[in-house]
Amino acid sequence: MNPGMLTFQAHHSLIAVIAVLHTVASHGIARSTAVETAAFHTVLAIPERVAGWGYKKTVPVVVVVVVVVVVEVVVVVVVKVVVVVVVVVVVVVVVVVVVVVN
């Protein structure tokens, strides 16, 4: 496997993981299990695919994948929390306005 192919596979694995996280965020884990399993199998297969290149070339790819996954998970969680907080604040403001007006 040449370095270009390695980069191509890593890039597509990252896209798969990002797509999974967005799917889970939109549809919930139960509906996303099949997609999630497929994407994470792709990511876990990276070390096997690049085993011929040795430790030094394999580890950076795996580290990049892990970092992107962690960042995406944090972003998804933070976005969901922010959305919930905004909704709660809007509801509270509406209730207060209605109470004050009446």
Protein backbone atom coordinates (compact mmCIF):
# COMPACT_ATOMS: atom_id res chain seq x y z
CA MET A 1 0.00 0.00 0.00
CA ASN A 2 1.41 3.39 -0.93
CA PRO A 3 1.16 6.54 1.25
CA GLY A 4 -1.46 8.05 -1.09
CA MET A 5 -3.74 5.05 -0.61
CA LEU A 6 -3.16 5.21 3.15
CA THR A 7 -4.25 8.85 3.21
CA PHE A 8 -7.26 8.05 1.01
CA GLN A 9 -8.41 5.24 3.35
CA ALA A 10 -7.85 7.31 6.48
CA HIS A 11 -9.80 10.22 4.96
CA HIS A 12 -12.73 7.99 4.04
CA SER A 13 -12.71 6.39 7.48
CA LEU A 14 -12.90 9.84 9.08
CA ILE A 15 -15.81 10.76 6.82
CA ALA A 16 -17.54 7.52 7.81
CA VAL A 17 -17.11 8.25 11.52
CA ILE A 18 -18.30 11.84 11.16
CA ALA A 19 -21.34 10.63 9.21
CA VAL A 20 -22.08 8.11 11.96
CA LEU A 21 -21.93 10.74 14.69
CA HIS A 22 -24.28 13.02 12.76
CA THR A 23 -26.64 10.09 12.14
CA VAL A 24 -26.63 9.14 15.82
CA ALA A 25 -27.24 12.77 16.79
CA SER A 26 -30.20 12.95 14.39
CA HIS A 27 -31.78 9.53 14.75
CA GLY A 28 -30.54 8.11 18.05
CA ILE A 29 -28.25 5.16 18.71
CA ALA A 30 -30.89 2.45 18.20
CA ARG A 31 -31.55 3.42 14.58
CA SER A 32 -27.88 4.07 13.83
CA THR A 33 -26.36 0.82 15.12
CA ALA A 34 -25.78 -0.80 11.73
CA VAL A 35 -24.16 2.31 10.25
CA GLU A 36 -22.13 2.86 13.40
CA THR A 37 -20.84 -0.72 13.41
CA ALA A 38 -19.81 -0.54 9.75
CA ALA A 39 -17.99 2.78 10.16
CA PHE A 40 -16.13 1.78 13.30
CA HIS A 41 -15.08 -1.54 11.73
CA THR A 42 -13.59 0.54 8.91
CA VAL A 43 -11.68 2.67 11.41
CA LEU A 44 -10.46 -0.32 13.42
CA ALA A 45 -9.26 -1.95 10.19
CA ILE A 46 -6.82 0.91 9.49
CA PRO A 47 -3.96 -0.54 11.60
CA GLU A 48 -4.33 -3.88 9.81
CA ARG A 49 -4.32 -2.23 6.39
CA VAL A 50 -1.18 -0.24 7.11
CA ALA A 51 0.60 -2.92 9.14
CA GLY A 52 3.09 -3.34 6.30
CA TRP A 53 4.24 0.24 6.83
CA GLY A 54 5.19 -0.38 10.45
CA TYR A 55 4.52 1.34 13.74
CA LYS A 56 5.80 4.82 12.84
CA LYS A 57 3.46 5.26 9.87
CA THR A 58 0.47 3.48 11.42
CA VAL A 59 0.25 5.33 14.75
CA PRO A 60 -0.18 8.88 13.34
CA VAL A 61 -3.16 7.74 11.24
CA VAL A 62 -4.80 6.03 14.21
CA VAL A 63 -4.12 9.07 16.42
CA VAL A 64 -5.73 11.38 13.84
CA VAL A 65 -8.79 9.12 13.64
CA VAL A 66 -9.14 8.98 17.44
CA VAL A 67 -8.70 12.75 17.82
CA VAL A 68 -11.31 13.49 15.14
CA VAL A 69 -13.75 11.00 16.68
CA VAL A 70 -13.32 12.54 20.16
CA VAL A 71 -13.69 16.09 18.80
CA GLU A 72 -16.81 15.13 16.84
CA VAL A 73 -18.37 13.40 19.87
CA VAL A 74 -17.67 16.47 22.03
CA VAL A 75 -19.10 18.78 19.35
CA VAL A 76 -22.26 16.65 18.99
CA VAL A 77 -22.76 16.54 22.78
CA VAL A 78 -22.09 20.28 23.21
CA VAL A 79 -24.43 21.17 20.34
CA LYS A 80 -27.19 19.01 21.83
CA VAL A 81 -26.69 20.59 25.27
CA VAL A 82 -26.68 24.11 23.78
CA VAL A 83 -29.90 23.38 21.86
CA VAL A 84 -31.59 22.08 25.03
CA VAL A 85 -30.44 25.12 27.04
CA VAL A 86 -31.66 27.53 24.34
CA VAL A 87 -35.06 25.79 24.19
CA VAL A 88 -35.40 25.91 27.99
CA VAL A 89 -34.45 29.61 28.09
CA VAL A 90 -36.94 30.45 25.32
CA VAL A 91 -39.72 28.54 27.12
CA VAL A 92 -38.95 30.29 30.42
CA VAL A 93 -38.92 33.72 28.73
CA VAL A 94 -42.24 33.01 26.99
CA VAL A 95 -43.82 31.84 30.26
CA VAL A 96 -42.54 34.93 32.12
CA VAL A 97 -43.82 37.26 29.37
CA VAL A 98 -47.24 35.57 29.37
CA VAL A 99 -47.47 35.76 33.17
CA VAL A 100 -46.37 39.43 33.24
CA VAL A 101 -48.76 40.42 30.43
CA ASN A 102 -51.68 38.68 32.10
